[in-house]
C-alpha cells in the first residue's frame, strides 16, 4: 500500500509497522477484493492480529471505512477484524453493507468460530 490512511495507520501503530505492512502487502497482492476476502479467510488464526484489526476498524468513522474499502487489502483486513467480532460489519456504511463481500465475510467468520 503506497498511501497511509487512518485505519492502516492505527493498525500499524498497534501491531508494529513492519509486521502490519507485511500483512497488508500480502492482502493487497490479491487480484481483486473478493479474492482478498477469500485469502484472508484461509489464513491461520492469529487473535492478536484479529483484535488489532478490529480495533482499527472500530475506531474509524464511516467515511474513513468507506474510503479505505476501495483498497483490495482492506477487505482482507476487515475479514480478519470480523474474526474478532463479527458485529464490526454492522457498522459499515450503507454503501458497503449490502456488498456480497460482506456476506462472504460473515460466513467466513462463522466458519472460523466453529473451527476454534
N, C-alpha and C. Protein backbone atom coordinates (compact mmCIF):
# COMPACT_ATOMS: atom_id res chain seq x y z
N UNK A 1 0.85 -1.17 0.00
CA UNK A 1 0.00 0.00 0.00
C UNK A 1 0.90 1.23 0.00
N UNK A 2 0.66 2.12 -0.91
CA UNK A 2 1.54 3.26 -1.03
C UNK A 2 1.11 4.43 -0.16
N UNK A 3 -0.17 4.63 0.02
CA UNK A 3 -0.65 5.72 0.86
C UNK A 3 -1.06 5.16 2.21
N UNK A 4 -0.93 5.99 3.24
CA UNK A 4 -1.34 5.57 4.56
C UNK A 4 -2.63 6.29 4.92
N UNK A 5 -3.61 5.54 5.30
CA UNK A 5 -4.90 6.07 5.72
C UNK A 5 -5.10 5.76 7.19
N UNK A 6 -6.17 6.28 7.77
CA UNK A 6 -6.34 6.20 9.22
C UNK A 6 -6.44 4.76 9.75
N UNK A 7 -7.20 3.90 9.11
CA UNK A 7 -7.31 2.52 9.60
C UNK A 7 -5.96 1.83 9.51
N UNK A 8 -5.32 2.01 8.38
CA UNK A 8 -3.99 1.43 8.19
C UNK A 8 -3.02 1.96 9.23
N UNK A 9 -3.04 3.26 9.47
CA UNK A 9 -2.13 3.87 10.45
C UNK A 9 -2.39 3.34 11.85
N UNK A 10 -3.66 3.20 12.23
CA UNK A 10 -3.98 2.65 13.56
C UNK A 10 -3.49 1.22 13.68
N UNK A 11 -3.72 0.44 12.63
CA UNK A 11 -3.29 -0.96 12.64
C UNK A 11 -1.77 -1.04 12.76
N UNK A 12 -1.06 -0.22 11.99
CA UNK A 12 0.40 -0.21 12.04
C UNK A 12 0.91 0.21 13.42
N UNK A 13 0.25 1.20 14.02
CA UNK A 13 0.75 1.70 15.31
C UNK A 13 0.57 0.69 16.43
N UNK A 14 -0.43 -0.16 16.33
CA UNK A 14 -0.64 -1.15 17.39
C UNK A 14 0.10 -2.46 17.14
N UNK A 15 0.21 -2.85 15.89
CA UNK A 15 0.86 -4.13 15.57
C UNK A 15 2.35 -3.97 15.32
N UNK A 16 2.75 -2.78 14.92
CA UNK A 16 4.13 -2.54 14.50
C UNK A 16 4.15 -2.38 12.99
N UNK A 17 4.82 -1.36 12.54
CA UNK A 17 4.79 -1.02 11.12
C UNK A 17 5.27 -2.14 10.23
N UNK A 18 6.39 -2.76 10.55
CA UNK A 18 6.95 -3.80 9.67
C UNK A 18 5.99 -4.98 9.55
N UNK A 19 5.49 -5.44 10.67
CA UNK A 19 4.59 -6.60 10.66
C UNK A 19 3.27 -6.28 9.96
N UNK A 20 2.74 -5.10 10.24
CA UNK A 20 1.48 -4.68 9.61
C UNK A 20 1.66 -4.50 8.11
N UNK A 21 2.75 -3.85 7.71
CA UNK A 21 2.99 -3.64 6.28
C UNK A 21 3.17 -4.95 5.54
N UNK A 22 3.82 -5.92 6.17
CA UNK A 22 4.00 -7.23 5.54
C UNK A 22 2.64 -7.89 5.30
N UNK A 23 1.78 -7.87 6.31
CA UNK A 23 0.46 -8.47 6.17
C UNK A 23 -0.37 -7.72 5.13
N UNK A 24 -0.38 -6.39 5.21
CA UNK A 24 -1.18 -5.60 4.28
C UNK A 24 -0.69 -5.78 2.84
N UNK A 25 0.61 -5.91 2.65
CA UNK A 25 1.14 -6.14 1.31
C UNK A 25 0.66 -7.48 0.77
N UNK A 26 0.64 -8.51 1.62
CA UNK A 26 0.14 -9.82 1.20
C UNK A 26 -1.33 -9.74 0.82
N UNK A 27 -2.10 -9.05 1.63
CA UNK A 27 -3.53 -8.92 1.36
C UNK A 27 -3.79 -8.09 0.11
N UNK A 28 -2.95 -7.10 -0.12
CA UNK A 28 -3.10 -6.22 -1.27
C UNK A 28 -2.66 -6.89 -2.57
N UNK A 29 -1.93 -7.98 -2.48
CA UNK A 29 -1.44 -8.67 -3.68
C UNK A 29 -2.49 -9.55 -4.35
N UNK A 30 -3.64 -9.71 -3.73
CA UNK A 30 -4.70 -10.48 -4.38
C UNK A 30 -5.19 -9.70 -5.60
N UNK A 31 -5.73 -10.41 -6.56
CA UNK A 31 -6.12 -9.79 -7.83
C UNK A 31 -7.37 -8.92 -7.72
N UNK A 32 -8.20 -9.18 -6.71
CA UNK A 32 -9.41 -8.37 -6.54
C UNK A 32 -9.90 -8.49 -5.10
N UNK A 33 -10.90 -7.69 -4.76
CA UNK A 33 -11.40 -7.67 -3.39
C UNK A 33 -12.00 -9.00 -2.94
N UNK A 34 -12.82 -9.67 -3.75
CA UNK A 34 -13.35 -10.97 -3.30
C UNK A 34 -12.24 -12.00 -3.03
N UNK A 35 -11.18 -11.97 -3.82
CA UNK A 35 -10.07 -12.89 -3.58
C UNK A 35 -9.33 -12.54 -2.29
N UNK A 36 -9.26 -11.25 -1.96
CA UNK A 36 -8.63 -10.84 -0.70
C UNK A 36 -9.44 -11.35 0.48
N UNK A 37 -10.76 -11.29 0.37
CA UNK A 37 -11.63 -11.82 1.43
C UNK A 37 -11.41 -13.32 1.57
N UNK A 38 -11.43 -14.03 0.45
CA UNK A 38 -11.24 -15.49 0.49
C UNK A 38 -9.86 -15.86 1.01
N UNK A 39 -8.85 -15.14 0.58
CA UNK A 39 -7.49 -15.42 1.04
C UNK A 39 -7.31 -15.16 2.52
N UNK A 40 -7.86 -14.05 2.99
CA UNK A 40 -7.76 -13.73 4.42
C UNK A 40 -8.51 -14.77 5.25
N UNK A 41 -9.63 -15.24 4.73
CA UNK A 41 -10.42 -16.24 5.45
C UNK A 41 -9.67 -17.55 5.62
N UNK A 42 -8.73 -17.82 4.74
CA UNK A 42 -7.95 -19.06 4.80
C UNK A 42 -6.71 -18.95 5.68
N UNK A 43 -6.40 -17.73 6.13
CA UNK A 43 -5.22 -17.55 6.97
C UNK A 43 -5.41 -18.26 8.31
N UNK A 44 -4.32 -18.74 8.89
CA UNK A 44 -4.43 -19.33 10.23
C UNK A 44 -4.87 -18.28 11.24
N UNK A 45 -5.49 -18.75 12.28
CA UNK A 45 -5.95 -17.85 13.33
C UNK A 45 -4.78 -17.14 13.99
N UNK A 46 -4.94 -15.85 14.23
CA UNK A 46 -3.97 -15.05 14.96
C UNK A 46 -4.76 -14.02 15.76
N UNK A 47 -5.17 -14.36 16.98
CA UNK A 47 -6.01 -13.47 17.77
C UNK A 47 -5.45 -12.06 17.95
N UNK A 48 -4.13 -11.93 18.03
CA UNK A 48 -3.55 -10.60 18.19
C UNK A 48 -3.83 -9.74 16.96
N UNK A 49 -3.55 -10.27 15.79
CA UNK A 49 -3.80 -9.51 14.55
C UNK A 49 -5.28 -9.22 14.40
N UNK A 50 -6.10 -10.20 14.67
CA UNK A 50 -7.55 -10.04 14.51
C UNK A 50 -8.09 -8.96 15.45
N UNK A 51 -7.64 -8.96 16.69
CA UNK A 51 -8.10 -7.95 17.66
C UNK A 51 -7.63 -6.55 17.27
N UNK A 52 -6.40 -6.45 16.79
CA UNK A 52 -5.88 -5.13 16.41
C UNK A 52 -6.52 -4.63 15.12
N UNK A 53 -6.84 -5.53 14.22
CA UNK A 53 -7.57 -5.14 13.01
C UNK A 53 -8.97 -4.65 13.39
N UNK A 54 -9.60 -5.37 14.31
CA UNK A 54 -10.93 -4.96 14.77
C UNK A 54 -10.88 -3.58 15.42
N UNK A 55 -9.90 -3.36 16.27
CA UNK A 55 -9.79 -2.07 16.95
C UNK A 55 -9.57 -0.94 15.95
N UNK A 56 -8.78 -1.19 14.92
CA UNK A 56 -8.53 -0.16 13.91
C UNK A 56 -9.80 0.20 13.16
N UNK A 57 -10.60 -0.79 12.81
CA UNK A 57 -11.87 -0.51 12.12
C UNK A 57 -12.88 0.11 13.08
N UNK A 58 -12.92 -0.35 14.32
CA UNK A 58 -13.89 0.17 15.29
C UNK A 58 -13.66 1.65 15.59
N UNK A 59 -12.42 2.10 15.53
CA UNK A 59 -12.11 3.50 15.82
C UNK A 59 -12.33 4.42 14.62
N UNK A 60 -12.59 3.86 13.47
CA UNK A 60 -12.73 4.65 12.24
C UNK A 60 -14.14 5.21 12.09
N UNK A 61 -14.23 6.33 11.42
CA UNK A 61 -15.53 6.90 11.08
C UNK A 61 -16.09 6.16 9.87
N UNK A 62 -17.38 6.23 9.65
CA UNK A 62 -17.95 5.60 8.45
C UNK A 62 -17.31 6.11 7.16
N UNK A 63 -16.96 7.39 7.14
CA UNK A 63 -16.33 7.96 5.95
C UNK A 63 -14.94 7.36 5.72
N UNK A 64 -14.19 7.16 6.81
CA UNK A 64 -12.87 6.54 6.68
C UNK A 64 -12.99 5.11 6.20
N UNK A 65 -13.94 4.38 6.75
CA UNK A 65 -14.14 2.99 6.32
C UNK A 65 -14.50 2.95 4.85
N UNK A 66 -15.43 3.81 4.45
CA UNK A 66 -15.87 3.83 3.05
C UNK A 66 -14.70 4.11 2.12
N UNK A 67 -13.87 5.07 2.46
CA UNK A 67 -12.71 5.43 1.64
C UNK A 67 -11.71 4.28 1.57
N UNK A 68 -11.39 3.69 2.70
CA UNK A 68 -10.34 2.67 2.73
C UNK A 68 -10.78 1.34 2.14
N UNK A 69 -12.08 1.09 2.09
CA UNK A 69 -12.53 -0.16 1.49
C UNK A 69 -12.49 -0.13 -0.04
N UNK A 70 -11.96 0.93 -0.61
CA UNK A 70 -11.65 0.92 -2.04
C UNK A 70 -10.41 0.07 -2.29
N UNK A 71 -9.65 -0.20 -1.25
CA UNK A 71 -8.41 -0.98 -1.33
C UNK A 71 -8.71 -2.47 -1.27
N UNK A 72 -8.00 -3.23 -2.07
CA UNK A 72 -8.13 -4.69 -2.05
C UNK A 72 -7.75 -5.23 -0.67
N UNK A 73 -6.61 -4.79 -0.15
CA UNK A 73 -6.10 -5.31 1.11
C UNK A 73 -6.97 -5.00 2.31
N UNK A 74 -7.66 -3.88 2.29
CA UNK A 74 -8.50 -3.52 3.43
C UNK A 74 -9.69 -4.46 3.58
N UNK A 75 -10.17 -5.03 2.47
CA UNK A 75 -11.23 -6.04 2.58
C UNK A 75 -10.70 -7.28 3.28
N UNK A 76 -9.46 -7.62 3.00
CA UNK A 76 -8.84 -8.74 3.70
C UNK A 76 -8.68 -8.45 5.18
N UNK A 77 -8.26 -7.22 5.49
CA UNK A 77 -8.10 -6.84 6.89
C UNK A 77 -9.45 -6.83 7.60
N UNK A 78 -10.50 -6.38 6.92
CA UNK A 78 -11.84 -6.40 7.51
C UNK A 78 -12.27 -7.84 7.80
N UNK A 79 -11.89 -8.77 6.94
CA UNK A 79 -12.19 -10.18 7.16
C UNK A 79 -11.55 -10.66 8.46
N UNK A 80 -10.31 -10.26 8.68
CA UNK A 80 -9.62 -10.64 9.92
C UNK A 80 -10.25 -9.95 11.13
N UNK A 81 -10.65 -8.69 10.96
CA UNK A 81 -11.31 -7.96 12.06
C UNK A 81 -12.62 -8.63 12.46
N UNK A 82 -13.34 -9.14 11.48
CA UNK A 82 -14.62 -9.80 11.77
C UNK A 82 -14.44 -11.10 12.55
N UNK A 83 -13.26 -11.69 12.46
CA UNK A 83 -12.99 -12.88 13.27
C UNK A 83 -13.01 -12.53 14.75
N UNK A 84 -12.52 -11.34 15.09
CA UNK A 84 -12.50 -10.91 16.49
C UNK A 84 -13.91 -10.60 16.97
N UNK A 85 -14.70 -9.94 16.12
CA UNK A 85 -16.08 -9.60 16.48
C UNK A 85 -16.83 -9.28 15.19
N UNK A 86 -17.68 -10.19 14.80
CA UNK A 86 -18.39 -10.06 13.52
C UNK A 86 -19.32 -8.84 13.49
N UNK A 87 -19.68 -8.31 14.65
CA UNK A 87 -20.57 -7.15 14.67
C UNK A 87 -19.91 -5.91 14.09
N UNK A 88 -18.61 -5.95 13.85
CA UNK A 88 -17.95 -4.82 13.18
C UNK A 88 -18.59 -4.58 11.82
N UNK A 89 -19.12 -5.62 11.22
CA UNK A 89 -19.76 -5.49 9.90
C UNK A 89 -21.06 -4.70 9.98
N UNK A 90 -21.68 -4.67 11.16
CA UNK A 90 -22.93 -3.92 11.33
C UNK A 90 -22.70 -2.41 11.28
N UNK A 91 -21.47 -1.98 11.46
CA UNK A 91 -21.17 -0.55 11.47
C UNK A 91 -20.67 -0.04 10.12
N UNK A 92 -20.68 -0.91 9.11
CA UNK A 92 -20.22 -0.48 7.79
C UNK A 92 -21.18 0.57 7.21
N UNK A 93 -20.64 1.50 6.42
CA UNK A 93 -21.51 2.47 5.77
C UNK A 93 -22.53 1.76 4.87
N UNK A 94 -23.68 2.37 4.69
CA UNK A 94 -24.74 1.78 3.89
C UNK A 94 -24.27 1.42 2.48
N UNK A 95 -23.35 2.21 1.96
CA UNK A 95 -22.85 1.95 0.60
C UNK A 95 -22.05 0.65 0.51
N UNK A 96 -21.62 0.13 1.63
CA UNK A 96 -20.82 -1.11 1.66
C UNK A 96 -21.57 -2.29 2.29
N UNK A 97 -22.55 -2.00 3.11
CA UNK A 97 -23.20 -3.04 3.92
C UNK A 97 -23.87 -4.14 3.10
N UNK A 98 -24.37 -3.80 1.93
CA UNK A 98 -25.07 -4.79 1.11
C UNK A 98 -24.17 -5.51 0.12
N UNK A 99 -22.89 -5.28 0.21
CA UNK A 99 -21.94 -5.92 -0.71
C UNK A 99 -21.94 -7.43 -0.50
N UNK A 100 -21.88 -8.20 -1.58
CA UNK A 100 -21.76 -9.65 -1.43
C UNK A 100 -20.50 -10.05 -0.64
N UNK A 101 -19.49 -9.19 -0.64
CA UNK A 101 -18.27 -9.49 0.12
C UNK A 101 -18.56 -9.52 1.61
N UNK A 102 -19.49 -8.68 2.07
CA UNK A 102 -19.84 -8.66 3.49
C UNK A 102 -20.49 -9.99 3.88
N UNK A 103 -21.35 -10.50 3.03
CA UNK A 103 -21.95 -11.81 3.31
C UNK A 103 -20.88 -12.90 3.35
N UNK A 104 -19.91 -12.80 2.46
CA UNK A 104 -18.80 -13.77 2.46
C UNK A 104 -17.99 -13.68 3.74
N UNK A 105 -17.77 -12.46 4.22
CA UNK A 105 -17.01 -12.28 5.46
C UNK A 105 -17.79 -12.86 6.64
N UNK A 106 -19.10 -12.64 6.67
CA UNK A 106 -19.92 -13.20 7.76
C UNK A 106 -19.82 -14.73 7.78
N UNK A 107 -19.92 -15.34 6.60
CA UNK A 107 -19.81 -16.80 6.53
C UNK A 107 -18.43 -17.26 6.98
N UNK A 108 -17.39 -16.55 6.54
CA UNK A 108 -16.03 -16.93 6.91
C UNK A 108 -15.81 -16.80 8.41
N UNK A 109 -16.36 -15.74 9.01
CA UNK A 109 -16.21 -15.54 10.46
C UNK A 109 -16.93 -16.65 11.23
N UNK A 110 -18.11 -17.02 10.76
CA UNK A 110 -18.86 -18.11 11.42
C UNK A 110 -18.10 -19.43 11.31
N UNK A 111 -17.56 -19.70 10.15
CA UNK A 111 -16.78 -20.92 9.95
C UNK A 111 -15.53 -20.92 10.83
N UNK A 112 -14.90 -19.76 10.94
CA UNK A 112 -13.71 -19.63 11.78
C UNK A 112 -14.05 -19.93 13.24
N UNK A 113 -15.16 -19.37 13.73
CA UNK A 113 -15.56 -19.59 15.12
C UNK A 113 -15.85 -21.07 15.39
N UNK A 114 -16.43 -21.75 14.42
CA UNK A 114 -16.71 -23.18 14.58
C UNK A 114 -15.42 -23.99 14.68
N UNK A 115 -14.38 -23.51 14.01
CA UNK A 115 -13.11 -24.23 14.00
C UNK A 115 -12.25 -24.00 15.22
N UNK A 116 -12.62 -23.05 16.06
CA UNK A 116 -11.81 -22.76 17.25
C UNK A 116 -12.05 -23.75 18.36
